[in-house]
Amino acid sequence: MSSLVIAAKTIGAGLATIGLAGAGVGIGVLFAGLVIALARNPSLKKDLMAATILGFALTEAIALFALMMAFLLLFT
């Protein structure tokens, strides 16, 4: 494999990991919103936790897809 292809794969994998930073920010914003909402109305804890866990799972799935793309670029 030529060095140009290896360089392109490495750069592409690096760019694919930008999605991991975005997911980290999204999770932080999600749980910050949960803390603020619970501080304002603690009686809604059950409903807020259900929505937060769903949002966390979807955000984490995006991060896993980005990581999978990076690994596919590097190791194929």
PDB file of N, CA and C in Angstrom:
ATOM      1  N   MET A   1       0.849  -1.165   0.000  1.00  0.00           N
ATOM      2  CA  MET A   1       0.000   0.000   0.000  1.00  0.00           C
ATOM      3  C   MET A   1       0.899   1.234   0.000  1.00  0.00           C
ATOM      4  N   SER A   2       0.550   2.206  -0.776  1.00  0.00           N
ATOM      5  CA  SER A   2       1.411   3.385  -0.903  1.00  0.00           C
ATOM      6  C   SER A   2       1.310   4.272   0.333  1.00  0.00           C
ATOM      7  N   SER A   3       2.321   5.069   0.519  1.00  0.00           N
ATOM      8  CA  SER A   3       2.337   5.945   1.693  1.00  0.00           C
ATOM      9  C   SER A   3       1.262   7.021   1.590  1.00  0.00           C
ATOM     10  N   LEU A   4       0.866   7.386   0.386  1.00  0.00           N
ATOM     11  CA  LEU A   4      -0.201   8.372   0.222  1.00  0.00           C
ATOM     12  C   LEU A   4      -1.540   7.824   0.727  1.00  0.00           C
ATOM     13  N   VAL A   5      -1.812   6.560   0.442  1.00  0.00           N
ATOM     14  CA  VAL A   5      -3.053   5.932   0.909  1.00  0.00           C
ATOM     15  C   VAL A   5      -3.042   5.819   2.429  1.00  0.00           C
ATOM     16  N   ILE A   6      -1.915   5.444   2.989  1.00  0.00           N
ATOM     17  CA  ILE A   6      -1.814   5.335   4.448  1.00  0.00           C
ATOM     18  C   ILE A   6      -2.014   6.698   5.098  1.00  0.00           C
ATOM     19  N   ALA A   7      -1.423   7.740   4.518  1.00  0.00           N
ATOM     20  CA  ALA A   7      -1.594   9.088   5.054  1.00  0.00           C
ATOM     21  C   ALA A   7      -3.054   9.533   4.966  1.00  0.00           C
ATOM     22  N   ALA A   8      -3.695   9.232   3.843  1.00  0.00           N
ATOM     23  CA  ALA A   8      -5.097   9.613   3.676  1.00  0.00           C
ATOM     24  C   ALA A   8      -5.985   8.877   4.675  1.00  0.00           C
ATOM     25  N   LYS A   9      -5.697   7.597   4.913  1.00  0.00           N
ATOM     26  CA  LYS A   9      -6.478   6.836   5.892  1.00  0.00           C
ATOM     27  C   LYS A   9      -6.306   7.403   7.297  1.00  0.00           C
ATOM     28  N   THR A  10      -5.087   7.767   7.635  1.00  0.00           N
ATOM     29  CA  THR A  10      -4.824   8.312   8.961  1.00  0.00           C
ATOM     30  C   THR A  10      -5.517   9.659   9.155  1.00  0.00           C
ATOM     31  N   ILE A  11      -5.463  10.498   8.153  1.00  0.00           N
ATOM     32  CA  ILE A  11      -6.147  11.796   8.235  1.00  0.00           C
ATOM     33  C   ILE A  11      -7.650  11.604   8.312  1.00  0.00           C
ATOM     34  N   GLY A  12      -8.191  10.700   7.521  1.00  0.00           N
ATOM     35  CA  GLY A  12      -9.629  10.425   7.560  1.00  0.00           C
ATOM     36  C   GLY A  12     -10.078   9.884   8.901  1.00  0.00           C
ATOM     37  N   ALA A  13      -9.275   8.998   9.488  1.00  0.00           N
ATOM     38  CA  ALA A  13      -9.632   8.465  10.810  1.00  0.00           C
ATOM     39  C   ALA A  13      -9.573   9.559  11.866  1.00  0.00           C
ATOM     40  N   GLY A  14      -8.601  10.442  11.748  1.00  0.00           N
ATOM     41  CA  GLY A  14      -8.529  11.566  12.684  1.00  0.00           C
ATOM     42  C   GLY A  14      -9.733  12.482  12.570  1.00  0.00           C
ATOM     43  N   LEU A  15     -10.155  12.735  11.339  1.00  0.00           N
ATOM     44  CA  LEU A  15     -11.336  13.578  11.144  1.00  0.00           C
ATOM     45  C   LEU A  15     -12.611  12.883  11.623  1.00  0.00           C
ATOM     46  N   ALA A  16     -12.659  11.560  11.511  1.00  0.00           N
ATOM     47  CA  ALA A  16     -13.844  10.824  11.963  1.00  0.00           C
ATOM     48  C   ALA A  16     -13.986  10.881  13.481  1.00  0.00           C
ATOM     49  N   THR A  17     -12.888  11.043  14.183  1.00  0.00           N
ATOM     50  CA  THR A  17     -12.979  11.094  15.648  1.00  0.00           C
ATOM     51  C   THR A  17     -13.485  12.434  16.161  1.00  0.00           C
ATOM     52  N   ILE A  18     -13.655  13.413  15.282  1.00  0.00           N
ATOM     53  CA  ILE A  18     -14.252  14.682  15.707  1.00  0.00           C
ATOM     54  C   ILE A  18     -15.665  14.436  16.229  1.00  0.00           C
ATOM     55  N   GLY A  19     -16.333  13.437  15.676  1.00  0.00           N
ATOM     56  CA  GLY A  19     -17.670  13.079  16.166  1.00  0.00           C
ATOM     57  C   GLY A  19     -17.669  12.664  17.627  1.00  0.00           C
ATOM     58  N   LEU A  20     -16.556  12.132  18.109  1.00  0.00           N
ATOM     59  CA  LEU A  20     -16.475  11.751  19.527  1.00  0.00           C
ATOM     60  C   LEU A  20     -16.488  12.980  20.415  1.00  0.00           C
ATOM     61  N   ALA A  21     -15.832  14.035  19.995  1.00  0.00           N
ATOM     62  CA  ALA A  21     -15.851  15.277  20.779  1.00  0.00           C
ATOM     63  C   ALA A  21     -17.255  15.869  20.804  1.00  0.00           C
ATOM     64  N   GLY A  22     -17.929  15.824  19.668  1.00  0.00           N
ATOM     65  CA  GLY A  22     -19.299  16.323  19.612  1.00  0.00           C
ATOM     66  C   GLY A  22     -20.238  15.536  20.508  1.00  0.00           C
ATOM     67  N   ALA A  23     -20.032  14.234  20.562  1.00  0.00           N
ATOM     68  CA  ALA A  23     -20.870  13.409  21.433  1.00  0.00           C
ATOM     69  C   ALA A  23     -20.584  13.707  22.904  1.00  0.00           C
ATOM     70  N   GLY A  24     -19.326  13.953  23.223  1.00  0.00           N
ATOM     71  CA  GLY A  24     -18.980  14.311  24.602  1.00  0.00           C
ATOM     72  C   GLY A  24     -19.639  15.609  25.031  1.00  0.00           C
ATOM     73  N   VAL A  25     -19.644  16.586  24.153  1.00  0.00           N
ATOM     74  CA  VAL A  25     -20.304  17.859  24.441  1.00  0.00           C
ATOM     75  C   VAL A  25     -21.807  17.644  24.580  1.00  0.00           C
ATOM     76  N   GLY A  26     -22.368  16.835  23.694  1.00  0.00           N
ATOM     77  CA  GLY A  26     -23.810  16.567  23.755  1.00  0.00           C
ATOM     78  C   GLY A  26     -24.232  15.896  25.047  1.00  0.00           C
ATOM     79  N   ILE A  27     -23.435  14.958  25.512  1.00  0.00           N
ATOM     80  CA  ILE A  27     -23.752  14.277  26.772  1.00  0.00           C
ATOM     81  C   ILE A  27     -23.637  15.250  27.938  1.00  0.00           C
ATOM     82  N   GLY A  28     -22.634  16.107  27.893  1.00  0.00           N
ATOM     83  CA  GLY A  28     -22.485  17.110  28.948  1.00  0.00           C
ATOM     84  C   GLY A  28     -23.669  18.060  29.007  1.00  0.00           C
ATOM     85  N   VAL A  29     -24.117  18.518  27.848  1.00  0.00           N
ATOM     86  CA  VAL A  29     -25.269  19.412  27.786  1.00  0.00           C
ATOM     87  C   VAL A  29     -26.531  18.696  28.267  1.00  0.00           C
ATOM     88  N   LEU A  30     -26.663  17.442  27.901  1.00  0.00           N
ATOM     89  CA  LEU A  30     -27.831  16.656  28.295  1.00  0.00           C
ATOM     90  C   LEU A  30     -27.944  16.542  29.811  1.00  0.00           C
ATOM     91  N   PHE A  31     -26.849  16.171  30.458  1.00  0.00           N
ATOM     92  CA  PHE A  31     -26.913  16.002  31.905  1.00  0.00           C
ATOM     93  C   PHE A  31     -26.921  17.338  32.641  1.00  0.00           C
ATOM     94  N   ALA A  32     -26.368  18.384  32.052  1.00  0.00           N
ATOM     95  CA  ALA A  32     -26.488  19.713  32.649  1.00  0.00           C
ATOM     96  C   ALA A  32     -27.952  20.152  32.651  1.00  0.00           C
ATOM     97  N   GLY A  33     -28.642  19.860  31.561  1.00  0.00           N
ATOM     98  CA  GLY A  33     -30.072  20.164  31.504  1.00  0.00           C
ATOM     99  C   GLY A  33     -30.871  19.368  32.516  1.00  0.00           C
ATOM    100  N   LEU A  34     -30.455  18.119  32.734  1.00  0.00           N
ATOM    101  CA  LEU A  34     -31.139  17.293  33.734  1.00  0.00           C
ATOM    102  C   LEU A  34     -30.963  17.887  35.134  1.00  0.00           C
ATOM    103  N   VAL A  35     -29.766  18.304  35.470  1.00  0.00           N
ATOM    104  CA  VAL A  35     -29.513  18.869  36.795  1.00  0.00           C
ATOM    105  C   VAL A  35     -30.326  20.152  37.000  1.00  0.00           C
ATOM    106  N   ILE A  36     -30.367  20.989  35.978  1.00  0.00           N
ATOM    107  CA  ILE A  36     -31.138  22.232  36.080  1.00  0.00           C
ATOM    108  C   ILE A  36     -32.629  21.937  36.231  1.00  0.00           C
ATOM    109  N   ALA A  37     -33.124  20.984  35.438  1.00  0.00           N
ATOM    110  CA  ALA A  37     -34.544  20.641  35.505  1.00  0.00           C
ATOM    111  C   ALA A  37     -34.909  20.032  36.856  1.00  0.00           C
ATOM    112  N   LEU A  38     -34.029  19.188  37.387  1.00  0.00           N
ATOM    113  CA  LEU A  38     -34.312  18.603  38.705  1.00  0.00           C
ATOM    114  C   LEU A  38     -34.235  19.640  39.807  1.00  0.00           C
ATOM    115  N   ALA A  39     -33.387  20.630  39.661  1.00  0.00           N
ATOM    116  CA  ALA A  39     -33.310  21.693  40.653  1.00  0.00           C
ATOM    117  C   ALA A  39     -34.580  22.542  40.647  1.00  0.00           C
ATOM    118  N   ARG A  40     -35.174  22.692  39.481  1.00  0.00           N
ATOM    119  CA  ARG A  40     -36.394  23.504  39.387  1.00  0.00           C
ATOM    120  C   ARG A  40     -37.648  22.740  39.815  1.00  0.00           C
ATOM    121  N   ASN A  41     -37.701  21.443  39.474  1.00  0.00           N
ATOM    122  CA  ASN A  41     -38.903  20.666  39.777  1.00  0.00           C
ATOM    123  C   ASN A  41     -38.516  19.229  40.104  1.00  0.00           C
ATOM    124  N   PRO A  42     -38.174  18.951  41.358  1.00  0.00           N
ATOM    125  CA  PRO A  42     -37.731  17.601  41.723  1.00  0.00           C
ATOM    126  C   PRO A  42     -38.814  16.528  41.603  1.00  0.00           C
ATOM    127  N   SER A  43     -40.064  16.926  41.561  1.00  0.00           N
ATOM    128  CA  SER A  43     -41.130  15.929  41.494  1.00  0.00           C
ATOM    129  C   SER A  43     -41.202  15.231  40.128  1.00  0.00           C
ATOM    130  N   LEU A  44     -40.558  15.768  39.123  1.00  0.00           N
ATOM    131  CA  LEU A  44     -40.563  15.163  37.785  1.00  0.00           C
ATOM    132  C   LEU A  44     -39.365  14.249  37.547  1.00  0.00           C
ATOM    133  N   LYS A  45     -38.745  13.775  38.609  1.00  0.00           N
ATOM    134  CA  LYS A  45     -37.505  13.015  38.475  1.00  0.00           C
ATOM    135  C   LYS A  45     -37.669  11.783  37.581  1.00  0.00           C
ATOM    136  N   LYS A  46     -38.740  11.034  37.754  1.00  0.00           N
ATOM    137  CA  LYS A  46     -38.925   9.790  36.992  1.00  0.00           C
ATOM    138  C   LYS A  46     -39.032  10.078  35.486  1.00  0.00           C
ATOM    139  N   ASP A  47     -39.843  11.051  35.123  1.00  0.00           N
ATOM    140  CA  ASP A  47     -40.026  11.379  33.703  1.00  0.00           C
ATOM    141  C   ASP A  47     -38.746  11.953  33.095  1.00  0.00           C
ATOM    142  N   LEU A  48     -38.076  12.810  33.864  1.00  0.00           N
ATOM    143  CA  LEU A  48     -36.845  13.417  33.345  1.00  0.00           C
ATOM    144  C   LEU A  48     -35.741  12.388  33.175  1.00  0.00           C
ATOM    145  N   MET A  49     -35.635  11.452  34.097  1.00  0.00           N
ATOM    146  CA  MET A  49     -34.588  10.431  33.987  1.00  0.00           C
ATOM    147  C   MET A  49     -34.820   9.538  32.779  1.00  0.00           C
ATOM    148  N   ALA A  50     -36.061   9.197  32.505  1.00  0.00           N
ATOM    149  CA  ALA A  50     -36.364   8.350  31.348  1.00  0.00           C
ATOM    150  C   ALA A  50     -35.961   9.044  30.049  1.00  0.00           C
ATOM    151  N   ALA A  51     -36.304  10.321  29.918  1.00  0.00           N
ATOM    152  CA  ALA A  51     -35.946  11.056  28.709  1.00  0.00           C
ATOM    153  C   ALA A  51     -34.431  11.250  28.609  1.00  0.00           C
ATOM    154  N   THR A  52     -33.790  11.464  29.743  1.00  0.00           N
ATOM    155  CA  THR A  52     -32.343  11.677  29.734  1.00  0.00           C
ATOM    156  C   THR A  52     -31.600  10.407  29.348  1.00  0.00           C
ATOM    157  N   ILE A  53     -32.018   9.276  29.859  1.00  0.00           N
ATOM    158  CA  ILE A  53     -31.353   8.017  29.517  1.00  0.00           C
ATOM    159  C   ILE A  53     -31.534   7.705  28.030  1.00  0.00           C
ATOM    160  N   LEU A  54     -32.701   7.986  27.495  1.00  0.00           N
ATOM    161  CA  LEU A  54     -32.920   7.788  26.058  1.00  0.00           C
ATOM    162  C   LEU A  54     -32.010   8.707  25.243  1.00  0.00           C
ATOM    163  N   GLY A  55     -31.929   9.959  25.630  1.00  0.00           N
ATOM    164  CA  GLY A  55     -31.051  10.897  24.935  1.00  0.00           C
ATOM    165  C   GLY A  55     -29.589  10.498  25.045  1.00  0.00           C
ATOM    166  N   PHE A  56     -29.191  10.002  26.218  1.00  0.00           N
ATOM    167  CA  PHE A  56     -27.822   9.550  26.410  1.00  0.00           C
ATOM    168  C   PHE A  56     -27.510   8.372  25.492  1.00  0.00           C
ATOM    169  N   ALA A  57     -28.429   7.427  25.396  1.00  0.00           N
ATOM    170  CA  ALA A  57     -28.206   6.248  24.555  1.00  0.00           C
ATOM    171  C   ALA A  57     -28.078   6.641  23.081  1.00  0.00           C
ATOM    172  N   LEU A  58     -28.913   7.549  22.617  1.00  0.00           N
ATOM    173  CA  LEU A  58     -28.838   7.971  21.218  1.00  0.00           C
ATOM    174  C   LEU A  58     -27.558   8.756  20.935  1.00  0.00           C
ATOM    175  N   THR A  59     -27.160   9.602  21.878  1.00  0.00           N
ATOM    176  CA  THR A  59     -25.922  10.365  21.704  1.00  0.00           C
ATOM    177  C   THR A  59     -24.707   9.448  21.721  1.00  0.00           C
ATOM    178  N   GLU A  60     -24.719   8.474  22.594  1.00  0.00           N
ATOM    179  CA  GLU A  60     -23.607   7.534  22.673  1.00  0.00           C
ATOM    180  C   GLU A  60     -23.544   6.657  21.419  1.00  0.00           C
ATOM    181  N   ALA A  61     -24.687   6.362  20.828  1.00  0.00           N
ATOM    182  CA  ALA A  61     -24.703   5.579  19.587  1.00  0.00           C
ATOM    183  C   ALA A  61     -24.017   6.347  18.464  1.00  0.00           C
ATOM    184  N   ILE A  62     -24.219   7.652  18.415  1.00  0.00           N
ATOM    185  CA  ILE A  62     -23.548   8.467  17.400  1.00  0.00           C
ATOM    186  C   ILE A  62     -22.036   8.405  17.602  1.00  0.00           C
ATOM    187  N   ALA A  63     -21.595   8.455  18.858  1.00  0.00           N
ATOM    188  CA  ALA A  63     -20.163   8.368  19.151  1.00  0.00           C
ATOM    189  C   ALA A  63     -19.602   7.016  18.733  1.00  0.00           C
ATOM    190  N   LEU A  64     -20.345   5.969  18.973  1.00  0.00           N
ATOM    191  CA  LEU A  64     -19.870   4.641  18.586  1.00  0.00           C
ATOM    192  C   LEU A  64     -19.794   4.490  17.071  1.00  0.00           C
ATOM    193  N   PHE A  65     -20.728   5.100  16.351  1.00  0.00           N
ATOM    194  CA  PHE A  65     -20.661   5.061  14.890  1.00  0.00           C
ATOM    195  C   PHE A  65     -19.435   5.810  14.387  1.00  0.00           C
ATOM    196  N   ALA A  66     -19.128   6.949  14.986  1.00  0.00           N
ATOM    197  CA  ALA A  66     -17.943   7.708  14.582  1.00  0.00           C
ATOM    198  C   ALA A  66     -16.673   6.910  14.862  1.00  0.00           C
ATOM    199  N   LEU A  67     -16.623   6.259  16.010  1.00  0.00           N
ATOM    200  CA  LEU A  67     -15.457   5.446  16.351  1.00  0.00           C
ATOM    201  C   LEU A  67     -15.327   4.253  15.403  1.00  0.00           C
ATOM    202  N   MET A  68     -16.453   3.657  15.053  1.00  0.00           N
ATOM    203  CA  MET A  68     -16.436   2.535  14.130  1.00  0.00           C
ATOM    204  C   MET A  68     -15.916   2.966  12.752  1.00  0.00           C
ATOM    205  N   MET A  69     -16.318   4.141  12.298  1.00  0.00           N
ATOM    206  CA  MET A  69     -15.827   4.639  11.020  1.00  0.00           C
ATOM    207  C   MET A  69     -14.319   4.876  11.072  1.00  0.00           C
ATOM    208  N   ALA A  70     -13.840   5.406  12.181  1.00  0.00           N
ATOM    209  CA  ALA A  70     -12.399   5.643  12.313  1.00  0.00           C
ATOM    210  C   ALA A  70     -11.635   4.319  12.259  1.00  0.00           C
ATOM    211  N   PHE A  71     -12.116   3.318  12.970  1.00  0.00           N
ATOM    212  CA  PHE A  71     -11.447   2.019  12.959  1.00  0.00           C
ATOM    213  C   PHE A  71     -11.517   1.359  11.582  1.00  0.00           C
ATOM    214  N   LEU A  72     -12.654   1.505  10.902  1.00  0.00           N
ATOM    215  CA  LEU A  72     -12.755   0.943   9.552  1.00  0.00           C
ATOM    216  C   LEU A  72     -11.764   1.607   8.591  1.00  0.00           C
ATOM    217  N   LEU A  73     -11.594   2.894   8.748  1.00  0.00           N
ATOM    218  CA  LEU A  73     -10.622   3.593   7.899  1.00  0.00           C
ATOM    219  C   LEU A  73      -9.195   3.144   8.193  1.00  0.00           C
ATOM    220  N   LEU A  74      -8.895   2.949   9.457  1.00  0.00           N
ATOM    221  CA  LEU A  74      -7.524   2.593   9.831  1.00  0.00           C
ATOM    222  C   LEU A  74      -7.158   1.156   9.482  1.00  0.00           C
ATOM    223  N   PHE A  75      -8.078   0.234   9.707  1.00  0.00           N
ATOM    224  CA  PHE A  75      -7.723  -1.174   9.656  1.00  0.00           C
ATOM    225  C   PHE A  75      -8.259  -1.927   8.448  1.00  0.00           C
ATOM    226  N   THR A  76      -8.721  -1.234   7.426  1.00  0.00           N
ATOM    227  CA  THR A  76      -9.132  -1.933   6.204  1.00  0.00           C
ATOM    228  C   THR A  76      -8.283  -1.489   5.030  1.00  0.00           C
TER     229      THR A  76
END
